[in-house]
Each structure stands twice: as structure tokens, then as C-alpha cells.
Amino acid sequence: MNPPAAALGDQLVAKWTSPEGARLRAAGAKIVDGLLELGPLTHERAGRMLGWPPHEVLPRFEAMDFRLETDPDGNIIGAGVSLNADRPHSMELRGRTVRGWCALDALMFPVVLDESVSRITSRCATTGEPVHATVTPSGVRDVHPATAAVTLAPATGADIREVFCDRVNFYASEALATDATLQDTDLAVCSTAEAWTVAKRLADLF
């Protein structure tokens, strides 16, 4: 039986409020700020931002099950917010379009960064149909298609992109999202508005 979305939301909050989660939030926020301000980060620059030896930046994140995204040159380009244009979840942050690792990132980071309005675009993980919405600090609106739904997943057990991000997607309808849960019983389905509520709970931790 698939878990309820509210239960997975509680698990996410518990993960990010644990002592390790708090350390990860603090370190990840510095990387996100650096990516948005400076673009791709060398290990040296990231190390200076974090106060860590450069060669320890990637291993320390990996030890917290949070493998940073890197480009072919080894520069850091992703930590929830991603500069990888191939990722499907886009959002407007600080006047530029960037990507997220998952649907929840696209709903959460505009709230974290207090964007008054952020237009997000993704695609249905089944059909490839575009999914659009407008995220504000008080909710999500202009969802198209209006039937769009989101899958949520547990965020423990391995690298966050493997266990969570790659499984947290937009679908053009609740029926399509529910079909995905038939193949993956760890997933829950929620509306885009419900997913924003989970995202807001996480955003309030930053």
C-alpha cells in the first residue's frame, strides 16, 4: 500500500530537522547561494565558502547522502538548485532561469528565496506534456494543466537524488501519477497545491 502524502511530508521535515539535516541545510544553502551568484563553483571556491578543505567538499556531502552535481570539468553545478539545462524542472530565481533536481525543488526554492512570483515549468514524467505553474510565498496558482499532480517519495536510505529527487515528478493528471505508484509502492500522490504545502514546510526551515 502506498503511503499518504502527509506522512511523507512529515518524514521530510524530520529528515531536515535532524542534526545531520540541519548541517546539510546550512552547507547546501551556501552552495545554492554561490551557484546563483557566481555560477559553476570550483572545489576551491566552494571550500572557501564552506570553510572546508577543497578536496573534502564532495566527500563530506556524499557522507550525508547528498551527492553534489558536477559538470564534465568537475565544477559544482547543482545542490537542489541546478545549472544543468538538461533537467526538466525549471524555475525563476533572482532574475534568472535555473533548474531543480525534482518537482518539489521547483515549488520550494522560490519560497526559500522569497521570490514574489516565480514561473516554473516542467513536464509530465509519463507523457512529456508541459506542466506550468506560478509559485508565490502564499501558494501556487495558474497550474496548467489544472489536473497536474506530483509524486512524493521517501528521502532516506541512499543518495538523495536516487531515493527522492528522481522519483518526485510532475504528472499531467492524478491518474497518470497514480499509475506510477503502481510500479513504485513507496510513492504517494498529491495535487500541485498539496505539494506546495509540503514545499512550504521545508522552505520554512531555511
N, C-alpha and C. Protein backbone atom coordinates (compact mmCIF):
# COMPACT_ATOMS: atom_id res chain seq x y z
N MET A 1 0.85 -1.20 0.00
CA MET A 1 0.00 0.00 0.00
C MET A 1 0.89 1.25 0.00
N ASN A 2 0.52 2.22 -0.83
CA ASN A 2 1.29 3.45 -0.90
C ASN A 2 1.05 4.31 0.34
N PRO A 3 2.07 5.02 0.80
CA PRO A 3 1.91 5.86 1.99
C PRO A 3 1.12 7.12 1.64
N PRO A 4 0.46 7.74 2.62
CA PRO A 4 -0.20 9.03 2.37
C PRO A 4 0.84 10.14 2.20
N ALA A 5 0.50 11.13 1.40
CA ALA A 5 1.43 12.22 1.15
C ALA A 5 1.80 12.94 2.44
N ALA A 6 0.84 13.10 3.35
CA ALA A 6 1.12 13.80 4.61
C ALA A 6 2.20 13.10 5.42
N ALA A 7 2.19 11.76 5.39
CA ALA A 7 3.20 11.01 6.13
C ALA A 7 4.58 11.23 5.54
N LEU A 8 4.67 11.26 4.21
CA LEU A 8 5.97 11.52 3.59
C LEU A 8 6.42 12.96 3.86
N GLY A 9 5.47 13.88 3.92
CA GLY A 9 5.83 15.25 4.29
C GLY A 9 6.41 15.32 5.69
N ASP A 10 5.81 14.59 6.62
CA ASP A 10 6.34 14.54 7.99
C ASP A 10 7.74 13.94 8.02
N GLN A 11 7.96 12.90 7.21
CA GLN A 11 9.28 12.27 7.14
C GLN A 11 10.33 13.24 6.61
N LEU A 12 9.95 14.03 5.61
CA LEU A 12 10.87 15.00 5.05
C LEU A 12 11.26 16.05 6.09
N VAL A 13 10.27 16.56 6.81
CA VAL A 13 10.56 17.55 7.84
C VAL A 13 11.46 16.95 8.91
N ALA A 14 11.19 15.70 9.30
CA ALA A 14 12.03 15.04 10.30
C ALA A 14 13.46 14.89 9.80
N LYS A 15 13.61 14.55 8.53
CA LYS A 15 14.96 14.39 7.96
C LYS A 15 15.74 15.70 8.04
N TRP A 16 15.09 16.80 7.63
CA TRP A 16 15.81 18.07 7.52
C TRP A 16 15.91 18.81 8.84
N THR A 17 15.22 18.35 9.87
CA THR A 17 15.37 18.95 11.20
C THR A 17 16.26 18.12 12.11
N SER A 18 16.71 16.96 11.66
CA SER A 18 17.66 16.17 12.43
C SER A 18 19.00 16.91 12.50
N PRO A 19 19.89 16.56 13.43
CA PRO A 19 21.18 17.25 13.49
C PRO A 19 21.94 17.20 12.16
N GLU A 20 21.96 16.03 11.51
CA GLU A 20 22.65 15.94 10.22
C GLU A 20 21.91 16.76 9.17
N GLY A 21 20.58 16.74 9.21
CA GLY A 21 19.81 17.52 8.26
C GLY A 21 20.07 19.00 8.41
N ALA A 22 20.20 19.46 9.64
CA ALA A 22 20.49 20.88 9.88
C ALA A 22 21.86 21.25 9.32
N ARG A 23 22.85 20.37 9.50
CA ARG A 23 24.19 20.64 8.95
C ARG A 23 24.13 20.66 7.42
N LEU A 24 23.37 19.73 6.86
CA LEU A 24 23.26 19.66 5.40
C LEU A 24 22.55 20.89 4.86
N ARG A 25 21.49 21.33 5.54
CA ARG A 25 20.77 22.53 5.10
C ARG A 25 21.71 23.74 5.07
N ALA A 26 22.51 23.89 6.12
CA ALA A 26 23.40 25.05 6.20
C ALA A 26 24.45 25.01 5.09
N ALA A 27 25.04 23.84 4.87
CA ALA A 27 26.07 23.73 3.84
C ALA A 27 25.46 23.86 2.45
N GLY A 28 24.32 23.20 2.24
CA GLY A 28 23.68 23.26 0.93
C GLY A 28 23.24 24.67 0.57
N ALA A 29 22.77 25.44 1.56
CA ALA A 29 22.34 26.81 1.30
C ALA A 29 23.50 27.67 0.80
N LYS A 30 24.69 27.43 1.34
CA LYS A 30 25.86 28.19 0.88
C LYS A 30 26.20 27.85 -0.56
N ILE A 31 26.08 26.57 -0.92
CA ILE A 31 26.35 26.18 -2.30
C ILE A 31 25.32 26.79 -3.23
N VAL A 32 24.05 26.74 -2.84
CA VAL A 32 22.99 27.34 -3.68
C VAL A 32 23.24 28.83 -3.88
N ASP A 33 23.56 29.54 -2.81
CA ASP A 33 23.85 30.97 -2.95
C ASP A 33 25.02 31.20 -3.90
N GLY A 34 26.05 30.37 -3.79
CA GLY A 34 27.20 30.51 -4.67
C GLY A 34 26.85 30.24 -6.12
N LEU A 35 26.04 29.23 -6.37
CA LEU A 35 25.65 28.91 -7.74
C LEU A 35 24.85 30.05 -8.36
N LEU A 36 23.92 30.63 -7.58
CA LEU A 36 23.09 31.70 -8.11
C LEU A 36 23.87 32.99 -8.30
N GLU A 37 24.87 33.22 -7.47
CA GLU A 37 25.64 34.46 -7.56
C GLU A 37 26.81 34.35 -8.53
N LEU A 38 27.46 33.19 -8.53
CA LEU A 38 28.73 33.07 -9.24
C LEU A 38 28.71 32.10 -10.41
N GLY A 39 27.72 31.23 -10.47
CA GLY A 39 27.72 30.20 -11.50
C GLY A 39 28.45 28.96 -11.01
N PRO A 40 28.93 28.12 -11.93
CA PRO A 40 29.63 26.90 -11.53
C PRO A 40 30.76 27.20 -10.54
N LEU A 41 30.90 26.32 -9.55
CA LEU A 41 31.87 26.54 -8.48
C LEU A 41 33.01 25.53 -8.56
N THR A 42 34.24 26.01 -8.52
CA THR A 42 35.36 25.10 -8.36
C THR A 42 35.35 24.55 -6.93
N HIS A 43 36.04 23.46 -6.73
CA HIS A 43 36.11 22.91 -5.38
C HIS A 43 36.80 23.90 -4.44
N GLU A 44 37.76 24.64 -4.97
CA GLU A 44 38.48 25.60 -4.15
C GLU A 44 37.54 26.71 -3.66
N ARG A 45 36.73 27.23 -4.60
CA ARG A 45 35.81 28.30 -4.21
C ARG A 45 34.75 27.78 -3.25
N ALA A 46 34.23 26.59 -3.53
CA ALA A 46 33.23 26.02 -2.63
C ALA A 46 33.84 25.78 -1.25
N GLY A 47 35.08 25.31 -1.20
CA GLY A 47 35.74 25.09 0.07
C GLY A 47 35.90 26.36 0.87
N ARG A 48 36.23 27.46 0.19
CA ARG A 48 36.35 28.74 0.90
C ARG A 48 35.01 29.18 1.46
N MET A 49 33.94 28.97 0.69
CA MET A 49 32.61 29.35 1.15
C MET A 49 32.19 28.56 2.37
N LEU A 50 32.56 27.28 2.40
CA LEU A 50 32.14 26.38 3.47
C LEU A 50 33.10 26.33 4.64
N GLY A 51 34.35 26.79 4.41
CA GLY A 51 35.37 26.66 5.43
C GLY A 51 35.91 25.24 5.52
N TRP A 52 35.86 24.51 4.41
CA TRP A 52 36.33 23.13 4.34
C TRP A 52 37.51 23.04 3.39
N PRO A 53 38.40 22.06 3.58
CA PRO A 53 39.44 21.83 2.58
C PRO A 53 38.79 21.47 1.24
N PRO A 54 39.28 22.01 0.13
CA PRO A 54 38.64 21.78 -1.17
C PRO A 54 38.42 20.31 -1.51
N HIS A 55 39.40 19.46 -1.15
CA HIS A 55 39.28 18.05 -1.52
C HIS A 55 38.25 17.31 -0.67
N GLU A 56 37.73 17.98 0.37
CA GLU A 56 36.74 17.34 1.23
C GLU A 56 35.30 17.75 0.89
N VAL A 57 35.13 18.69 -0.03
CA VAL A 57 33.78 19.21 -0.29
C VAL A 57 32.85 18.11 -0.78
N LEU A 58 33.22 17.44 -1.86
CA LEU A 58 32.34 16.39 -2.39
C LEU A 58 32.17 15.23 -1.41
N PRO A 59 33.27 14.71 -0.82
CA PRO A 59 33.10 13.59 0.12
C PRO A 59 32.24 13.92 1.33
N ARG A 60 32.32 15.14 1.84
CA ARG A 60 31.50 15.49 3.01
C ARG A 60 30.02 15.50 2.66
N PHE A 61 29.69 16.02 1.50
CA PHE A 61 28.28 15.96 1.08
C PHE A 61 27.85 14.53 0.83
N GLU A 62 28.70 13.74 0.20
CA GLU A 62 28.36 12.35 -0.08
C GLU A 62 28.13 11.57 1.22
N ALA A 63 28.90 11.89 2.26
CA ALA A 63 28.73 11.22 3.55
C ALA A 63 27.37 11.52 4.16
N MET A 64 26.75 12.61 3.71
CA MET A 64 25.41 12.97 4.18
C MET A 64 24.35 12.54 3.16
N ASP A 65 24.71 11.63 2.26
CA ASP A 65 23.78 11.13 1.22
C ASP A 65 23.26 12.25 0.35
N PHE A 66 24.15 13.18 -0.01
CA PHE A 66 23.76 14.32 -0.83
C PHE A 66 24.91 14.57 -1.81
N ARG A 67 24.86 13.86 -2.92
CA ARG A 67 25.95 13.96 -3.90
C ARG A 67 25.75 15.20 -4.78
N LEU A 68 26.67 16.14 -4.67
CA LEU A 68 26.58 17.35 -5.47
C LEU A 68 26.69 17.02 -6.95
N GLU A 69 26.04 17.83 -7.76
CA GLU A 69 26.08 17.65 -9.21
C GLU A 69 27.29 18.40 -9.77
N THR A 70 28.03 17.77 -10.66
CA THR A 70 29.21 18.39 -11.24
C THR A 70 29.13 18.33 -12.77
N ASP A 71 29.86 19.24 -13.43
CA ASP A 71 29.92 19.24 -14.89
C ASP A 71 31.12 18.42 -15.35
N PRO A 72 31.32 18.25 -16.65
CA PRO A 72 32.44 17.42 -17.13
C PRO A 72 33.81 17.88 -16.66
N ASP A 73 33.93 19.17 -16.30
CA ASP A 73 35.21 19.68 -15.80
C ASP A 73 35.36 19.50 -14.29
N GLY A 74 34.34 18.94 -13.65
CA GLY A 74 34.40 18.71 -12.21
C GLY A 74 33.89 19.86 -11.37
N ASN A 75 33.44 20.95 -12.01
CA ASN A 75 32.90 22.07 -11.25
C ASN A 75 31.52 21.73 -10.69
N ILE A 76 31.19 22.26 -9.54
CA ILE A 76 29.90 22.01 -8.91
C ILE A 76 28.84 22.85 -9.61
N ILE A 77 27.77 22.20 -10.07
CA ILE A 77 26.70 22.92 -10.77
C ILE A 77 25.32 22.64 -10.17
N GLY A 78 25.24 21.82 -9.12
CA GLY A 78 23.92 21.53 -8.58
C GLY A 78 23.94 21.10 -7.13
N ALA A 79 22.96 21.63 -6.38
CA ALA A 79 22.74 21.23 -4.98
C ALA A 79 21.27 21.44 -4.67
N GLY A 80 20.40 20.76 -5.39
CA GLY A 80 18.97 21.04 -5.35
C GLY A 80 18.62 22.03 -6.43
N VAL A 81 19.17 23.25 -6.37
CA VAL A 81 19.20 24.18 -7.49
C VAL A 81 20.31 23.72 -8.42
N SER A 82 20.01 23.66 -9.71
CA SER A 82 20.97 23.13 -10.69
C SER A 82 21.13 24.10 -11.86
N LEU A 83 22.36 24.17 -12.37
CA LEU A 83 22.64 24.95 -13.58
C LEU A 83 22.64 24.06 -14.81
N ASN A 84 22.24 22.82 -14.65
CA ASN A 84 22.19 21.85 -15.75
C ASN A 84 20.91 22.06 -16.54
N ALA A 85 21.04 22.62 -17.74
CA ALA A 85 19.87 22.96 -18.55
C ALA A 85 19.11 21.73 -19.04
N ASP A 86 19.69 20.55 -18.91
CA ASP A 86 19.01 19.34 -19.36
C ASP A 86 17.96 18.84 -18.37
N ARG A 87 17.97 19.38 -17.16
CA ARG A 87 16.99 18.93 -16.17
C ARG A 87 15.62 19.52 -16.49
N PRO A 88 14.54 18.76 -16.25
CA PRO A 88 13.23 19.20 -16.73
C PRO A 88 12.52 20.24 -15.88
N HIS A 89 12.95 20.43 -14.63
CA HIS A 89 12.20 21.30 -13.71
C HIS A 89 12.86 22.68 -13.66
N SER A 90 12.28 23.66 -14.31
CA SER A 90 12.88 25.00 -14.32
C SER A 90 12.10 25.95 -13.43
N MET A 91 12.81 26.96 -12.90
CA MET A 91 12.19 27.96 -12.03
C MET A 91 12.95 29.26 -12.17
N GLU A 92 12.29 30.35 -11.84
CA GLU A 92 12.91 31.67 -11.92
C GLU A 92 13.37 32.08 -10.52
N LEU A 93 14.68 32.26 -10.38
CA LEU A 93 15.26 32.66 -9.09
C LEU A 93 16.24 33.80 -9.31
N ARG A 94 16.07 34.86 -8.58
CA ARG A 94 16.96 36.02 -8.64
C ARG A 94 17.18 36.49 -10.08
N GLY A 95 16.09 36.54 -10.82
CA GLY A 95 16.15 37.10 -12.15
C GLY A 95 16.70 36.20 -13.23
N ARG A 96 16.90 34.93 -12.93
CA ARG A 96 17.42 34.01 -13.95
C ARG A 96 16.64 32.70 -13.88
N THR A 97 16.71 31.96 -14.96
CA THR A 97 16.06 30.65 -15.00
C THR A 97 17.09 29.58 -14.68
N VAL A 98 16.79 28.78 -13.67
CA VAL A 98 17.65 27.67 -13.27
C VAL A 98 16.78 26.43 -13.15
N ARG A 99 17.41 25.33 -12.85
CA ARG A 99 16.69 24.07 -12.73
C ARG A 99 16.67 23.58 -11.29
N GLY A 100 15.76 22.62 -11.06
CA GLY A 100 15.73 21.90 -9.80
C GLY A 100 15.96 20.44 -10.04
N TRP A 101 16.36 19.72 -9.00
CA TRP A 101 16.54 18.28 -9.14
C TRP A 101 15.22 17.54 -9.21
N CYS A 102 14.16 18.15 -8.67
CA CYS A 102 12.87 17.45 -8.64
C CYS A 102 11.74 18.46 -8.65
N ALA A 103 10.51 17.95 -8.75
CA ALA A 103 9.34 18.81 -8.76
C ALA A 103 9.25 19.63 -7.47
N LEU A 104 9.58 19.03 -6.34
CA LEU A 104 9.46 19.75 -5.07
C LEU A 104 10.47 20.89 -4.98
N ASP A 105 11.65 20.72 -5.58
CA ASP A 105 12.62 21.82 -5.61
C ASP A 105 12.03 23.03 -6.32
N ALA A 106 11.34 22.78 -7.44
CA ALA A 106 10.76 23.88 -8.20
C ALA A 106 9.68 24.61 -7.41
N LEU A 107 9.01 23.91 -6.52
CA LEU A 107 7.99 24.52 -5.69
C LEU A 107 8.57 25.14 -4.42
N MET A 108 9.72 24.64 -3.97
CA MET A 108 10.29 25.06 -2.69
C MET A 108 11.24 26.25 -2.80
N PHE A 109 12.18 26.21 -3.74
CA PHE A 109 13.23 27.22 -3.74
C PHE A 109 12.72 28.64 -3.99
N PRO A 110 11.67 28.85 -4.81
CA PRO A 110 11.15 30.22 -4.88
C PRO A 110 10.65 30.73 -3.54
N VAL A 111 10.13 29.85 -2.70
CA VAL A 111 9.66 30.25 -1.37
C VAL A 111 10.86 30.48 -0.46
N VAL A 112 11.86 29.59 -0.52
CA VAL A 112 13.07 29.77 0.29
C VAL A 112 13.69 31.15 0.02
N LEU A 113 13.76 31.53 -1.26
CA LEU A 113 14.41 32.78 -1.64
C LEU A 113 13.45 33.95 -1.70
N ASP A 114 12.22 33.74 -1.21
CA ASP A 114 11.23 34.80 -1.08
C ASP A 114 10.97 35.52 -2.40
N GLU A 115 10.87 34.74 -3.46
CA GLU A 115 10.50 35.32 -4.75
C GLU A 115 9.02 35.70 -4.72
N SER A 116 8.69 36.91 -5.10
CA SER A 116 7.29 37.32 -5.09
C SER A 116 6.48 36.52 -6.10
N VAL A 117 7.10 36.24 -7.26
CA VAL A 117 6.48 35.41 -8.28
C VAL A 117 7.59 34.64 -8.99
N SER A 118 7.42 33.35 -9.13
CA SER A 118 8.37 32.54 -9.88
C SER A 118 7.59 31.61 -10.79
N ARG A 119 7.82 31.73 -12.07
CA ARG A 119 7.16 30.83 -13.01
C ARG A 119 7.99 29.57 -13.15
N ILE A 120 7.34 28.44 -12.97
CA ILE A 120 8.04 27.17 -13.08
C ILE A 120 7.48 26.39 -14.26
N THR A 121 8.34 25.61 -14.85
CA THR A 121 7.96 24.78 -15.99
C THR A 121 8.59 23.42 -15.82
N SER A 122 7.83 22.39 -16.06
CA SER A 122 8.35 21.03 -16.02
C SER A 122 7.66 20.24 -17.14
N ARG A 123 7.67 18.94 -17.01
CA ARG A 123 6.94 18.12 -17.98
C ARG A 123 6.44 16.86 -17.29
N CYS A 124 5.36 16.36 -17.80
CA CYS A 124 4.80 15.13 -17.27
C CYS A 124 5.80 14.01 -17.46
N ALA A 125 6.08 13.29 -16.37
CA ALA A 125 7.08 12.23 -16.43
C ALA A 125 6.63 11.06 -17.30
N THR A 126 5.34 10.98 -17.60
CA THR A 126 4.83 9.90 -18.44
C THR A 126 4.67 10.32 -19.89
N THR A 127 4.02 11.44 -20.13
CA THR A 127 3.69 11.84 -21.50
C THR A 127 4.65 12.87 -22.09
N GLY A 128 5.41 13.55 -21.24
CA GLY A 128 6.25 14.63 -21.72
C GLY A 128 5.50 15.94 -21.90
N GLU A 129 4.20 15.95 -21.61
CA GLU A 129 3.38 17.16 -21.75
C GLU A 129 3.90 18.25 -20.81
N PRO A 130 4.01 19.50 -21.29
CA PRO A 130 4.48 20.58 -20.41
C PRO A 130 3.55 20.79 -19.23
N VAL A 131 4.14 21.11 -18.09
CA VAL A 131 3.40 21.48 -16.88
C VAL A 131 3.92 22.84 -16.45
N HIS A 132 3.03 23.79 -16.26
CA HIS A 132 3.40 25.14 -15.87
C HIS A 132 2.68 25.54 -14.59
N ALA A 133 3.29 26.42 -13.83
CA ALA A 133 2.64 26.96 -12.63
C ALA A 133 3.36 28.23 -12.22
N THR A 134 2.71 29.00 -11.38
CA THR A 134 3.31 30.19 -10.80
C THR A 134 3.39 29.98 -9.29
N VAL A 135 4.59 30.11 -8.75
CA VAL A 135 4.82 29.91 -7.31
C VAL A 135 4.99 31.26 -6.64
N THR A 136 4.31 31.45 -5.52
CA THR A 136 4.43 32.67 -4.72
C THR A 136 4.65 32.26 -3.26
N PRO A 137 5.01 33.19 -2.40
CA PRO A 137 5.19 32.85 -0.98
C PRO A 137 3.91 32.37 -0.30
N SER A 138 2.76 32.63 -0.92
CA SER A 138 1.50 32.25 -0.28
C SER A 138 0.78 31.10 -0.97
N GLY A 139 1.35 30.57 -2.04
CA GLY A 139 0.70 29.44 -2.70
C GLY A 139 1.14 29.29 -4.13
N VAL A 140 0.48 28.38 -4.82
CA VAL A 140 0.77 28.13 -6.23
C VAL A 140 -0.51 28.39 -7.01
N ARG A 141 -0.37 28.99 -8.19
CA ARG A 141 -1.55 29.31 -9.00
C ARG A 141 -1.21 29.09 -10.47
N ASP A 142 -2.21 29.29 -11.31
CA ASP A 142 -2.04 29.19 -12.76
C ASP A 142 -1.45 27.84 -13.16
N VAL A 143 -1.86 26.79 -12.48
CA VAL A 143 -1.35 25.45 -12.79
C VAL A 143 -1.98 24.99 -14.11
N HIS A 144 -1.12 24.57 -15.02
CA HIS A 144 -1.61 24.07 -16.31
C HIS A 144 -0.79 22.85 -16.72
N PRO A 145 -1.47 21.74 -16.99
CA PRO A 145 -2.92 21.56 -16.87
C PRO A 145 -3.36 21.61 -15.41
N ALA A 146 -4.61 22.03 -15.22
CA ALA A 146 -5.13 22.19 -13.86
C ALA A 146 -5.15 20.89 -13.10
N THR A 147 -5.13 19.78 -13.84
CA THR A 147 -5.17 18.45 -13.21
C THR A 147 -3.80 17.95 -12.77
N ALA A 148 -2.75 18.74 -12.99
CA ALA A 148 -1.38 18.26 -12.72
C ALA A 148 -1.22 17.78 -11.28
N ALA A 149 -0.51 16.69 -11.12
CA ALA A 149 -0.25 16.10 -9.80
C ALA A 149 1.25 15.85 -9.64
N VAL A 150 1.63 15.54 -8.41
CA VAL A 150 3.05 15.34 -8.07
C VAL A 150 3.19 14.04 -7.29
N THR A 151 4.26 13.31 -7.55
CA THR A 151 4.58 12.16 -6.71
C THR A 151 5.61 12.57 -5.67
N LEU A 152 5.44 12.05 -4.46
CA LEU A 152 6.41 12.23 -3.38
C LEU A 152 7.01 10.89 -3.04
N ALA A 153 8.25 10.92 -2.52
CA ALA A 153 8.97 9.68 -2.19
C ALA A 153 9.67 9.85 -0.85
N PRO A 154 10.02 8.74 -0.20
CA PRO A 154 10.86 8.83 1.00
C PRO A 154 12.23 9.40 0.62
N ALA A 155 12.89 10.03 1.57
CA ALA A 155 14.17 10.69 1.28
C ALA A 155 15.32 10.10 2.09
N THR A 156 15.22 8.83 2.44
CA THR A 156 16.27 8.20 3.23
C THR A 156 16.71 6.90 2.57
N GLY A 157 17.92 6.47 2.95
CA GLY A 157 18.38 5.16 2.52
C GLY A 157 19.54 5.17 1.56
N ALA A 158 19.72 6.27 0.83
CA ALA A 158 20.83 6.36 -0.13
C ALA A 158 20.94 7.81 -0.57
N ASP A 159 21.69 8.05 -1.64
CA ASP A 159 21.85 9.40 -2.14
C ASP A 159 20.49 10.02 -2.45
N ILE A 160 20.32 11.29 -2.09
CA ILE A 160 19.01 11.94 -2.18
C ILE A 160 18.45 11.95 -3.59
N ARG A 161 19.33 12.08 -4.60
CA ARG A 161 18.81 12.09 -5.97
C ARG A 161 18.27 10.73 -6.36
N GLU A 162 18.88 9.68 -5.84
CA GLU A 162 18.44 8.32 -6.18
C GLU A 162 17.13 7.97 -5.49
N VAL A 163 17.04 8.24 -4.19
CA VAL A 163 15.87 7.78 -3.44
C VAL A 163 14.71 8.77 -3.49
N PHE A 164 15.00 10.04 -3.74
CA PHE A 164 13.95 11.05 -3.69
C PHE A 164 13.80 11.81 -5.00
N CYS A 165 14.80 12.56 -5.39
CA CYS A 165 14.63 13.51 -6.49
C CYS A 165 14.18 12.85 -7.79
N ASP A 166 14.79 11.75 -8.15
CA ASP A 166 14.46 11.10 -9.42
C ASP A 166 13.05 10.53 -9.43
N ARG A 167 12.41 10.47 -8.26
CA ARG A 167 11.07 9.87 -8.16
C ARG A 167 10.00 10.91 -7.85
N VAL A 168 10.39 12.16 -7.67
CA VAL A 168 9.45 13.23 -7.33
C VAL A 168 9.24 14.09 -8.57
N ASN A 169 8.14 13.82 -9.26
CA ASN A 169 7.90 14.40 -10.57
C ASN A 169 6.50 14.95 -10.71
N PHE A 170 6.34 15.79 -11.72
CA PHE A 170 5.02 16.25 -12.13
C PHE A 170 4.41 15.24 -13.10
N TYR A 171 3.10 15.12 -13.03
CA TYR A 171 2.32 14.34 -13.99
C TYR A 171 1.14 15.19 -14.44
N ALA A 172 0.70 14.97 -15.65
CA ALA A 172 -0.38 15.78 -16.21
C ALA A 172 -1.70 15.56 -15.49
N SER A 173 -1.85 14.46 -14.80
CA SER A 173 -3.10 14.17 -14.09
C SER A 173 -2.82 13.26 -12.91
N GLU A 174 -3.78 13.24 -11.99
CA GLU A 174 -3.67 12.34 -10.84
C GLU A 174 -3.66 10.89 -11.30
N ALA A 175 -4.42 10.58 -12.35
CA ALA A 175 -4.47 9.20 -12.84
C ALA A 175 -3.10 8.74 -13.33
N LEU A 176 -2.38 9.61 -14.04
CA LEU A 176 -1.05 9.24 -14.52
C LEU A 176 -0.08 9.08 -13.35
N ALA A 177 -0.19 9.96 -12.36
CA ALA A 177 0.67 9.84 -11.18
C ALA A 177 0.36 8.56 -10.43
N THR A 178 -0.92 8.23 -10.32
CA THR A 178 -1.31 7.00 -9.63
C THR A 178 -0.79 5.78 -10.36
N ASP A 179 -0.78 5.82 -11.68
CA ASP A 179 -0.21 4.71 -12.46
C ASP A 179 1.25 4.49 -12.08
N ALA A 180 1.99 5.60 -11.86
CA ALA A 180 3.40 5.48 -11.48
C ALA A 180 3.54 4.80 -10.13
N THR A 181 2.61 5.04 -9.22
CA THR A 181 2.71 4.44 -7.89
C THR A 181 2.44 2.94 -7.92
N LEU A 182 1.78 2.45 -8.97
CA LEU A 182 1.55 1.01 -9.08
C LEU A 182 2.86 0.27 -9.27
N GLN A 183 3.83 0.96 -9.87
CA GLN A 183 5.15 0.37 -10.10
C GLN A 183 6.12 0.67 -8.97
N ASP A 184 5.77 1.60 -8.10
CA ASP A 184 6.66 2.02 -7.02
C ASP A 184 5.80 2.31 -5.80
N THR A 185 5.66 1.33 -4.93
CA THR A 185 4.73 1.44 -3.81
C THR A 185 5.23 2.34 -2.68
N ASP A 186 6.45 2.90 -2.81
CA ASP A 186 6.93 3.87 -1.83
C ASP A 186 6.38 5.26 -2.10
N LEU A 187 5.80 5.47 -3.27
CA LEU A 187 5.38 6.80 -3.69
C LEU A 187 3.99 7.15 -3.17
N ALA A 188 3.77 8.45 -3.02
CA ALA A 188 2.45 8.99 -2.73
C ALA A 188 2.11 10.01 -3.80
N VAL A 189 0.83 10.24 -4.01
CA VAL A 189 0.36 11.20 -5.00
C VAL A 189 -0.32 12.36 -4.30
N CYS A 190 -0.05 13.57 -4.76
CA CYS A 190 -0.75 14.73 -4.23
C CYS A 190 -0.97 15.74 -5.35
N SER A 191 -1.90 16.66 -5.15
CA SER A 191 -2.12 17.72 -6.11
C SER A 191 -0.93 18.68 -6.07
N THR A 192 -0.84 19.54 -7.06
CA THR A 192 0.24 20.53 -7.06
C THR A 192 0.13 21.46 -5.86
N ALA A 193 -1.09 21.82 -5.48
CA ALA A 193 -1.28 22.68 -4.30
C ALA A 193 -0.84 21.97 -3.03
N GLU A 194 -1.15 20.69 -2.91
CA GLU A 194 -0.71 19.93 -1.74
C GLU A 194 0.80 19.80 -1.71
N ALA A 195 1.41 19.60 -2.89
CA ALA A 195 2.88 19.52 -2.95
C ALA A 195 3.50 20.84 -2.54
N TRP A 196 2.86 21.98 -2.92
CA TRP A 196 3.37 23.28 -2.49
C TRP A 196 3.34 23.39 -0.97
N THR A 197 2.31 22.86 -0.34
CA THR A 197 2.20 22.90 1.12
C THR A 197 3.37 22.16 1.76
N VAL A 198 3.73 21.01 1.21
CA VAL A 198 4.90 20.28 1.72
C VAL A 198 6.16 21.10 1.47
N ALA A 199 6.28 21.68 0.28
CA ALA A 199 7.44 22.50 -0.04
C ALA A 199 7.56 23.68 0.91
N LYS A 200 6.43 24.29 1.27
CA LYS A 200 6.45 25.44 2.18
C LYS A 200 6.93 25.01 3.56
N ARG A 201 6.54 23.84 4.02
CA ARG A 201 7.02 23.37 5.32
C ARG A 201 8.55 23.25 5.30
N LEU A 202 9.09 22.75 4.20
CA LEU A 202 10.54 22.62 4.10
C LEU A 202 11.21 23.98 3.95
N ALA A 203 10.60 24.85 3.14
CA ALA A 203 11.17 26.18 2.93
C ALA A 203 11.29 26.95 4.24
N ASP A 204 10.32 26.76 5.12
CA ASP A 204 10.33 27.47 6.40
C ASP A 204 11.49 27.05 7.30
N LEU A 205 12.15 25.96 6.96
CA LEU A 205 13.29 25.50 7.77
C LEU A 205 14.56 26.25 7.41
N PHE A 206 14.58 26.89 6.24
CA PHE A 206 15.80 27.57 5.79
C PHE A 206 15.87 29.00 6.31
